């Protein structure tokens, strides 16, 4: 069975397993919002899989890290299509 938890429940679980963890609620939320850790939205809640978090933190994630998309990056001109 998949262990789906809200972000608060996930952090509480991680802290119960490892009381000295450096992972914070806000760090987990940032990873979820940027797409690094997948989530399921149900209403206003975001559910995360505890196994996915563990795999990501231990470096055993099957997929490569997702680079968050931002529009404030400067890109080389070669990346744009030239208009003739």
PDB file of N, CA and C in Angstrom:
ATOM      1  N   UNK A   1       0.836  -1.186   0.000  1.00  0.00           N
ATOM      2  CA  UNK A   1       0.000   0.000   0.000  1.00  0.00           C
ATOM      3  C   UNK A   1       0.880   1.248   0.000  1.00  0.00           C
ATOM      4  N   UNK A   2       0.521   2.212  -0.806  1.00  0.00           N
ATOM      5  CA  UNK A   2       1.266   3.456  -0.900  1.00  0.00           C
ATOM      6  C   UNK A   2       1.006   4.314   0.335  1.00  0.00           C
ATOM      7  N   UNK A   3       2.056   4.863   0.894  1.00  0.00           N
ATOM      8  CA  UNK A   3       1.940   5.701   2.088  1.00  0.00           C
ATOM      9  C   UNK A   3       1.844   7.163   1.673  1.00  0.00           C
ATOM     10  N   UNK A   4       0.631   7.622   1.400  1.00  0.00           N
ATOM     11  CA  UNK A   4       0.397   9.003   1.003  1.00  0.00           C
ATOM     12  C   UNK A   4       0.098   9.838   2.240  1.00  0.00           C
ATOM     13  N   UNK A   5       0.777  10.974   2.352  1.00  0.00           N
ATOM     14  CA  UNK A   5       0.610  11.854   3.505  1.00  0.00           C
ATOM     15  C   UNK A   5       0.577  13.306   3.038  1.00  0.00           C
ATOM     16  N   UNK A   6      -0.031  14.170   3.860  1.00  0.00           N
ATOM     17  CA  UNK A   6       0.076  15.597   3.599  1.00  0.00           C
ATOM     18  C   UNK A   6       1.514  16.009   3.911  1.00  0.00           C
ATOM     19  N   UNK A   7       1.883  17.199   3.509  1.00  0.00           N
ATOM     20  CA  UNK A   7       3.250  17.658   3.761  1.00  0.00           C
ATOM     21  C   UNK A   7       3.537  17.712   5.261  1.00  0.00           C
ATOM     22  N   UNK A   8       2.590  18.186   6.045  1.00  0.00           N
ATOM     23  CA  UNK A   8       2.774  18.253   7.504  1.00  0.00           C
ATOM     24  C   UNK A   8       2.930  16.857   8.088  1.00  0.00           C
ATOM     25  N   UNK A   9       2.089  15.922   7.660  1.00  0.00           N
ATOM     26  CA  UNK A   9       2.191  14.551   8.157  1.00  0.00           C
ATOM     27  C   UNK A   9       3.508  13.901   7.742  1.00  0.00           C
ATOM     28  N   UNK A  10       3.963  14.212   6.514  1.00  0.00           N
ATOM     29  CA  UNK A  10       5.228  13.650   6.035  1.00  0.00           C
ATOM     30  C   UNK A  10       6.397  14.147   6.873  1.00  0.00           C
ATOM     31  N   UNK A  11       6.421  15.444   7.169  1.00  0.00           N
ATOM     32  CA  UNK A  11       7.496  15.996   7.998  1.00  0.00           C
ATOM     33  C   UNK A  11       7.433  15.427   9.403  1.00  0.00           C
ATOM     34  N   UNK A  12       6.219  15.306   9.952  1.00  0.00           N
ATOM     35  CA  UNK A  12       6.087  14.721  11.295  1.00  0.00           C
ATOM     36  C   UNK A  12       6.611  13.289  11.321  1.00  0.00           C
ATOM     37  N   UNK A  13       6.330  12.528  10.272  1.00  0.00           N
ATOM     38  CA  UNK A  13       6.815  11.147  10.194  1.00  0.00           C
ATOM     39  C   UNK A  13       8.343  11.103  10.108  1.00  0.00           C
ATOM     40  N   UNK A  14       8.898  11.944   9.253  1.00  0.00           N
ATOM     41  CA  UNK A  14      10.356  11.980   9.078  1.00  0.00           C
ATOM     42  C   UNK A  14      11.031  12.359  10.399  1.00  0.00           C
ATOM     43  N   UNK A  15      10.447  13.339  11.111  1.00  0.00           N
ATOM     44  CA  UNK A  15      11.023  13.763  12.392  1.00  0.00           C
ATOM     45  C   UNK A  15      10.878  12.685  13.463  1.00  0.00           C
ATOM     46  N   UNK A  16       9.821  11.859  13.362  1.00  0.00           N
ATOM     47  CA  UNK A  16       9.679  10.785  14.349  1.00  0.00           C
ATOM     48  C   UNK A  16      10.713   9.686  14.114  1.00  0.00           C
ATOM     49  N   UNK A  17      11.074   9.465  12.849  1.00  0.00           N
ATOM     50  CA  UNK A  17      12.091   8.466  12.510  1.00  0.00           C
ATOM     51  C   UNK A  17      13.491   9.015  12.779  1.00  0.00           C
ATOM     52  N   UNK A  18      13.690  10.293  12.432  1.00  0.00           N
ATOM     53  CA  UNK A  18      14.994  10.933  12.598  1.00  0.00           C
ATOM     54  C   UNK A  18      14.803  12.301  13.258  1.00  0.00           C
ATOM     55  N   UNK A  19      14.826  12.363  14.587  1.00  0.00           N
ATOM     56  CA  UNK A  19      14.581  13.628  15.287  1.00  0.00           C
ATOM     57  C   UNK A  19      15.573  14.738  14.947  1.00  0.00           C
ATOM     58  N   UNK A  20      16.764  14.388  14.464  1.00  0.00           N
ATOM     59  CA  UNK A  20      17.776  15.388  14.143  1.00  0.00           C
ATOM     60  C   UNK A  20      17.798  15.760  12.665  1.00  0.00           C
ATOM     61  N   UNK A  21      16.736  15.444  11.938  1.00  0.00           N
ATOM     62  CA  UNK A  21      16.714  15.732  10.504  1.00  0.00           C
ATOM     63  C   UNK A  21      16.836  17.223  10.237  1.00  0.00           C
ATOM     64  N   UNK A  22      17.486  17.552   9.151  1.00  0.00           N
ATOM     65  CA  UNK A  22      17.621  18.948   8.742  1.00  0.00           C
ATOM     66  C   UNK A  22      16.514  19.352   7.769  1.00  0.00           C
ATOM     67  N   UNK A  23      15.724  18.383   7.326  1.00  0.00           N
ATOM     68  CA  UNK A  23      14.636  18.663   6.393  1.00  0.00           C
ATOM     69  C   UNK A  23      13.519  19.393   7.117  1.00  0.00           C
ATOM     70  N   UNK A  24      13.070  20.503   6.539  1.00  0.00           N
ATOM     71  CA  UNK A  24      11.991  21.292   7.140  1.00  0.00           C
ATOM     72  C   UNK A  24      10.744  21.216   6.281  1.00  0.00           C
ATOM     73  N   UNK A  25       9.645  21.655   6.852  1.00  0.00           N
ATOM     74  CA  UNK A  25       8.384  21.708   6.121  1.00  0.00           C
ATOM     75  C   UNK A  25       8.536  22.573   4.871  1.00  0.00           C
ATOM     76  N   UNK A  26       9.149  23.725   5.028  1.00  0.00           N
ATOM     77  CA  UNK A  26       9.286  24.651   3.900  1.00  0.00           C
ATOM     78  C   UNK A  26      10.200  24.089   2.804  1.00  0.00           C
ATOM     79  N   UNK A  27      11.229  23.362   3.188  1.00  0.00           N
ATOM     80  CA  UNK A  27      12.099  22.735   2.188  1.00  0.00           C
ATOM     81  C   UNK A  27      11.332  21.667   1.420  1.00  0.00           C
ATOM     82  N   UNK A  28      10.545  20.858   2.123  1.00  0.00           N
ATOM     83  CA  UNK A  28       9.735  19.832   1.458  1.00  0.00           C
ATOM     84  C   UNK A  28       8.708  20.480   0.549  1.00  0.00           C
ATOM     85  N   UNK A  29       8.077  21.526   1.017  1.00  0.00           N
ATOM     86  CA  UNK A  29       7.069  22.234   0.206  1.00  0.00           C
ATOM     87  C   UNK A  29       7.700  22.791  -1.068  1.00  0.00           C
ATOM     88  N   UNK A  30       8.889  23.356  -0.947  1.00  0.00           N
ATOM     89  CA  UNK A  30       9.591  23.889  -2.116  1.00  0.00           C
ATOM     90  C   UNK A  30       9.909  22.784  -3.115  1.00  0.00           C
ATOM     91  N   UNK A  31      10.351  21.632  -2.625  1.00  0.00           N
ATOM     92  CA  UNK A  31      10.649  20.509  -3.514  1.00  0.00           C
ATOM     93  C   UNK A  31       9.394  20.012  -4.221  1.00  0.00           C
ATOM     94  N   UNK A  32       8.274  20.007  -3.515  1.00  0.00           N
ATOM     95  CA  UNK A  32       7.014  19.563  -4.112  1.00  0.00           C
ATOM     96  C   UNK A  32       6.546  20.573  -5.163  1.00  0.00           C
ATOM     97  N   UNK A  33       6.557  21.853  -4.830  1.00  0.00           N
ATOM     98  CA  UNK A  33       6.082  22.884  -5.761  1.00  0.00           C
ATOM     99  C   UNK A  33       6.961  23.003  -6.999  1.00  0.00           C
ATOM    100  N   UNK A  34       8.248  22.717  -6.868  1.00  0.00           N
ATOM    101  CA  UNK A  34       9.151  22.804  -8.018  1.00  0.00           C
ATOM    102  C   UNK A  34       9.118  21.538  -8.879  1.00  0.00           C
ATOM    103  N   UNK A  35       8.457  20.481  -8.387  1.00  0.00           N
ATOM    104  CA  UNK A  35       8.340  19.259  -9.168  1.00  0.00           C
ATOM    105  C   UNK A  35       9.425  18.239  -8.895  1.00  0.00           C
ATOM    106  N   UNK A  36      10.307  18.514  -7.965  1.00  0.00           N
ATOM    107  CA  UNK A  36      11.378  17.575  -7.641  1.00  0.00           C
ATOM    108  C   UNK A  36      10.788  16.308  -7.019  1.00  0.00           C
ATOM    109  N   UNK A  37       9.807  16.489  -6.154  1.00  0.00           N
ATOM    110  CA  UNK A  37       9.096  15.370  -5.545  1.00  0.00           C
ATOM    111  C   UNK A  37       7.664  15.395  -6.053  1.00  0.00           C
ATOM    112  N   UNK A  38       7.194  14.301  -6.679  1.00  0.00           N
ATOM    113  CA  UNK A  38       5.839  14.288  -7.216  1.00  0.00           C
ATOM    114  C   UNK A  38       4.786  14.323  -6.104  1.00  0.00           C
ATOM    115  N   UNK A  39       3.636  14.882  -6.438  1.00  0.00           N
ATOM    116  CA  UNK A  39       2.548  14.967  -5.471  1.00  0.00           C
ATOM    117  C   UNK A  39       1.208  14.816  -6.179  1.00  0.00           C
ATOM    118  N   UNK A  40       0.184  14.602  -5.388  1.00  0.00           N
ATOM    119  CA  UNK A  40      -1.184  14.542  -5.888  1.00  0.00           C
ATOM    120  C   UNK A  40      -1.954  15.634  -5.166  1.00  0.00           C
ATOM    121  N   UNK A  41      -2.610  16.504  -5.930  1.00  0.00           N
ATOM    122  CA  UNK A  41      -3.412  17.561  -5.323  1.00  0.00           C
ATOM    123  C   UNK A  41      -4.839  17.076  -5.142  1.00  0.00           C
ATOM    124  N   UNK A  42      -5.346  17.240  -3.933  1.00  0.00           N
ATOM    125  CA  UNK A  42      -6.738  16.932  -3.639  1.00  0.00           C
ATOM    126  C   UNK A  42      -7.300  18.158  -2.923  1.00  0.00           C
ATOM    127  N   UNK A  43      -8.059  18.937  -3.655  1.00  0.00           N
ATOM    128  CA  UNK A  43      -8.526  20.205  -3.103  1.00  0.00           C
ATOM    129  C   UNK A  43      -7.342  21.114  -2.860  1.00  0.00           C
ATOM    130  N   UNK A  44      -7.235  21.614  -1.644  1.00  0.00           N
ATOM    131  CA  UNK A  44      -6.105  22.470  -1.287  1.00  0.00           C
ATOM    132  C   UNK A  44      -4.926  21.676  -0.743  1.00  0.00           C
ATOM    133  N   UNK A  45      -5.125  20.378  -0.521  1.00  0.00           N
ATOM    134  CA  UNK A  45      -4.068  19.545   0.037  1.00  0.00           C
ATOM    135  C   UNK A  45      -3.183  18.962  -1.051  1.00  0.00           C
ATOM    136  N   UNK A  46      -1.913  18.798  -0.701  1.00  0.00           N
ATOM    137  CA  UNK A  46      -0.972  18.105  -1.569  1.00  0.00           C
ATOM    138  C   UNK A  46      -0.532  16.856  -0.832  1.00  0.00           C
ATOM    139  N   UNK A  47      -0.701  15.702  -1.467  1.00  0.00           N
ATOM    140  CA  UNK A  47      -0.293  14.447  -0.865  1.00  0.00           C
ATOM    141  C   UNK A  47       0.989  13.963  -1.513  1.00  0.00           C
ATOM    142  N   UNK A  48       1.909  13.511  -0.691  1.00  0.00           N
ATOM    143  CA  UNK A  48       3.178  12.989  -1.187  1.00  0.00           C
ATOM    144  C   UNK A  48       3.338  11.552  -0.721  1.00  0.00           C
ATOM    145  N   UNK A  49       4.082  10.798  -1.499  1.00  0.00           N
ATOM    146  CA  UNK A  49       4.369   9.414  -1.172  1.00  0.00           C
ATOM    147  C   UNK A  49       5.629   9.387  -0.303  1.00  0.00           C
ATOM    148  N   UNK A  50       5.524   8.833   0.889  1.00  0.00           N
ATOM    149  CA  UNK A  50       6.688   8.780   1.786  1.00  0.00           C
ATOM    150  C   UNK A  50       7.855   8.028   1.162  1.00  0.00           C
ATOM    151  N   UNK A  51       7.560   7.001   0.385  1.00  0.00           N
ATOM    152  CA  UNK A  51       8.630   6.240  -0.279  1.00  0.00           C
ATOM    153  C   UNK A  51       9.363   7.091  -1.307  1.00  0.00           C
ATOM    154  N   UNK A  52       8.623   7.957  -2.026  1.00  0.00           N
ATOM    155  CA  UNK A  52       9.252   8.847  -3.013  1.00  0.00           C
ATOM    156  C   UNK A  52      10.204   9.824  -2.332  1.00  0.00           C
ATOM    157  N   UNK A  53       9.787  10.346  -1.187  1.00  0.00           N
ATOM    158  CA  UNK A  53      10.643  11.280  -0.447  1.00  0.00           C
ATOM    159  C   UNK A  53      11.921  10.575  -0.003  1.00  0.00           C
ATOM    160  N   UNK A  54      11.763   9.377   0.539  1.00  0.00           N
ATOM    161  CA  UNK A  54      12.925   8.620   0.999  1.00  0.00           C
ATOM    162  C   UNK A  54      13.866   8.297  -0.156  1.00  0.00           C
ATOM    163  N   UNK A  55      13.310   7.881  -1.293  1.00  0.00           N
ATOM    164  CA  UNK A  55      14.144   7.558  -2.450  1.00  0.00           C
ATOM    165  C   UNK A  55      14.893   8.788  -2.931  1.00  0.00           C
ATOM    166  N   UNK A  56      14.230   9.936  -2.969  1.00  0.00           N
ATOM    167  CA  UNK A  56      14.883  11.158  -3.420  1.00  0.00           C
ATOM    168  C   UNK A  56      16.019  11.551  -2.475  1.00  0.00           C
ATOM    169  N   UNK A  57      15.741  11.498  -1.175  1.00  0.00           N
ATOM    170  CA  UNK A  57      16.741  11.922  -0.198  1.00  0.00           C
ATOM    171  C   UNK A  57      17.936  10.979  -0.116  1.00  0.00           C
ATOM    172  N   UNK A  58      17.737   9.703  -0.448  1.00  0.00           N
ATOM    173  CA  UNK A  58      18.849   8.758  -0.428  1.00  0.00           C
ATOM    174  C   UNK A  58      19.545   8.655  -1.784  1.00  0.00           C
ATOM    175  N   UNK A  59      19.030   9.364  -2.780  1.00  0.00           N
ATOM    176  CA  UNK A  59      19.648   9.360  -4.098  1.00  0.00           C
ATOM    177  C   UNK A  59      19.283   8.165  -4.942  1.00  0.00           C
ATOM    178  N   UNK A  60      18.240   7.432  -4.561  1.00  0.00           N
ATOM    179  CA  UNK A  60      17.816   6.251  -5.308  1.00  0.00           C
ATOM    180  C   UNK A  60      16.610   6.519  -6.192  1.00  0.00           C
ATOM    181  N   UNK A  61      16.373   7.758  -6.518  1.00  0.00           N
ATOM    182  CA  UNK A  61      15.228   8.102  -7.350  1.00  0.00           C
ATOM    183  C   UNK A  61      15.439   7.564  -8.758  1.00  0.00           C
ATOM    184  N   UNK A  62      14.418   6.956  -9.313  1.00  0.00           N
ATOM    185  CA  UNK A  62      14.518   6.377 -10.645  1.00  0.00           C
ATOM    186  C   UNK A  62      14.553   7.416 -11.749  1.00  0.00           C
ATOM    187  N   UNK A  63      14.026   8.601 -11.488  1.00  0.00           N
ATOM    188  CA  UNK A  63      14.002   9.635 -12.515  1.00  0.00           C
ATOM    189  C   UNK A  63      15.008  10.725 -12.179  1.00  0.00           C
ATOM    190  N   UNK A  64      15.528  11.392 -13.220  1.00  0.00           N
ATOM    191  CA  UNK A  64      16.490  12.461 -12.963  1.00  0.00           C
ATOM    192  C   UNK A  64      15.792  13.641 -12.294  1.00  0.00           C
ATOM    193  N   UNK A  65      16.529  14.448 -11.535  1.00  0.00           N
ATOM    194  CA  UNK A  65      15.910  15.604 -10.882  1.00  0.00           C
ATOM    195  C   UNK A  65      15.303  16.544 -11.908  1.00  0.00           C
ATOM    196  N   UNK A  66      14.191  17.125 -11.561  1.00  0.00           N
ATOM    197  CA  UNK A  66      13.499  18.052 -12.447  1.00  0.00           C
ATOM    198  C   UNK A  66      13.997  19.449 -12.147  1.00  0.00           C
ATOM    199  N   UNK A  67      14.412  20.139 -13.193  1.00  0.00           N
ATOM    200  CA  UNK A  67      14.867  21.512 -13.051  1.00  0.00           C
ATOM    201  C   UNK A  67      13.638  22.414 -13.059  1.00  0.00           C
ATOM    202  N   UNK A  68      13.402  23.186 -11.998  1.00  0.00           N
ATOM    203  CA  UNK A  68      12.235  24.059 -11.991  1.00  0.00           C
ATOM    204  C   UNK A  68      12.324  25.099 -13.094  1.00  0.00           C
ATOM    205  N   UNK A  69      11.190  25.359 -13.729  1.00  0.00           N
ATOM    206  CA  UNK A  69      11.174  26.323 -14.812  1.00  0.00           C
ATOM    207  C   UNK A  69      10.964  27.715 -14.260  1.00  0.00           C
ATOM    208  N   UNK A  70      11.857  28.595 -14.612  1.00  0.00           N
ATOM    209  CA  UNK A  70      11.710  29.983 -14.208  1.00  0.00           C
ATOM    210  C   UNK A  70      11.919  30.856 -15.427  1.00  0.00           C
ATOM    211  N   UNK A  71      11.265  31.987 -15.431  1.00  0.00           N
ATOM    212  CA  UNK A  71      11.373  32.880 -16.572  1.00  0.00           C
ATOM    213  C   UNK A  71      12.431  33.950 -16.368  1.00  0.00           C
ATOM    214  N   UNK A  72      13.109  33.948 -15.227  1.00  0.00           N
ATOM    215  CA  UNK A  72      14.087  34.979 -14.959  1.00  0.00           C
ATOM    216  C   UNK A  72      15.515  34.562 -15.304  1.00  0.00           C
ATOM    217  N   UNK A  73      15.656  33.474 -16.046  1.00  0.00           N
ATOM    218  CA  UNK A  73      16.989  33.038 -16.447  1.00  0.00           C
ATOM    219  C   UNK A  73      17.397  33.748 -17.736  1.00  0.00           C
ATOM    220  N   UNK A  74      18.670  34.023 -17.847  1.00  0.00           N
ATOM    221  CA  UNK A  74      19.208  34.583 -19.084  1.00  0.00           C
ATOM    222  C   UNK A  74      19.631  33.413 -19.953  1.00  0.00           C
ATOM    223  N   UNK A  75      19.166  33.414 -21.179  1.00  0.00           N
ATOM    224  CA  UNK A  75      19.482  32.316 -22.094  1.00  0.00           C
ATOM    225  C   UNK A  75      20.354  32.817 -23.228  1.00  0.00           C
ATOM    226  N   UNK A  76      21.131  31.904 -23.758  1.00  0.00           N
ATOM    227  CA  UNK A  76      21.949  32.249 -24.918  1.00  0.00           C
ATOM    228  C   UNK A  76      21.047  32.500 -26.118  1.00  0.00           C
ATOM    229  N   UNK A  77      21.469  33.348 -26.991  1.00  0.00           N
ATOM    230  CA  UNK A  77      20.661  33.689 -28.147  1.00  0.00           C
ATOM    231  C   UNK A  77      20.483  32.500 -29.087  1.00  0.00           C
ATOM    232  N   UNK A  78      21.402  31.524 -29.035  1.00  0.00           N
ATOM    233  CA  UNK A  78      21.302  30.355 -29.904  1.00  0.00           C
ATOM    234  C   UNK A  78      20.108  29.481 -29.526  1.00  0.00           C
ATOM    235  N   UNK A  79      19.566  29.638 -28.329  1.00  0.00           N
ATOM    236  CA  UNK A  79      18.405  28.857 -27.919  1.00  0.00           C
ATOM    237  C   UNK A  79      17.107  29.359 -28.540  1.00  0.00           C
ATOM    238  N   UNK A  80      17.101  30.568 -29.026  1.00  0.00           N
ATOM    239  CA  UNK A  80      15.904  31.132 -29.641  1.00  0.00           C
ATOM    240  C   UNK A  80      15.914  30.852 -31.140  1.00  0.00           C
ATOM    241  N   UNK A  81      14.752  30.726 -31.692  1.00  0.00           N
ATOM    242  CA  UNK A  81      14.657  30.548 -33.149  1.00  0.00           C
ATOM    243  C   UNK A  81      14.854  31.912 -33.794  1.00  0.00           C
ATOM    244  N   UNK A  82      15.691  31.924 -34.796  1.00  0.00           N
ATOM    245  CA  UNK A  82      15.932  33.184 -35.490  1.00  0.00           C
ATOM    246  C   UNK A  82      14.787  33.452 -36.462  1.00  0.00           C
ATOM    247  N   UNK A  83      14.304  34.673 -36.431  1.00  0.00           N
ATOM    248  CA  UNK A  83      13.235  35.076 -37.342  1.00  0.00           C
ATOM    249  C   UNK A  83      13.896  35.748 -38.539  1.00  0.00           C
ATOM    250  N   UNK A  84      13.550  35.229 -39.752  1.00  0.00           N
ATOM    251  CA  UNK A  84      14.228  35.698 -40.958  1.00  0.00           C
ATOM    252  C   UNK A  84      13.724  36.899 -41.561  1.00  0.00           C
TER     253      UNK A  84
END
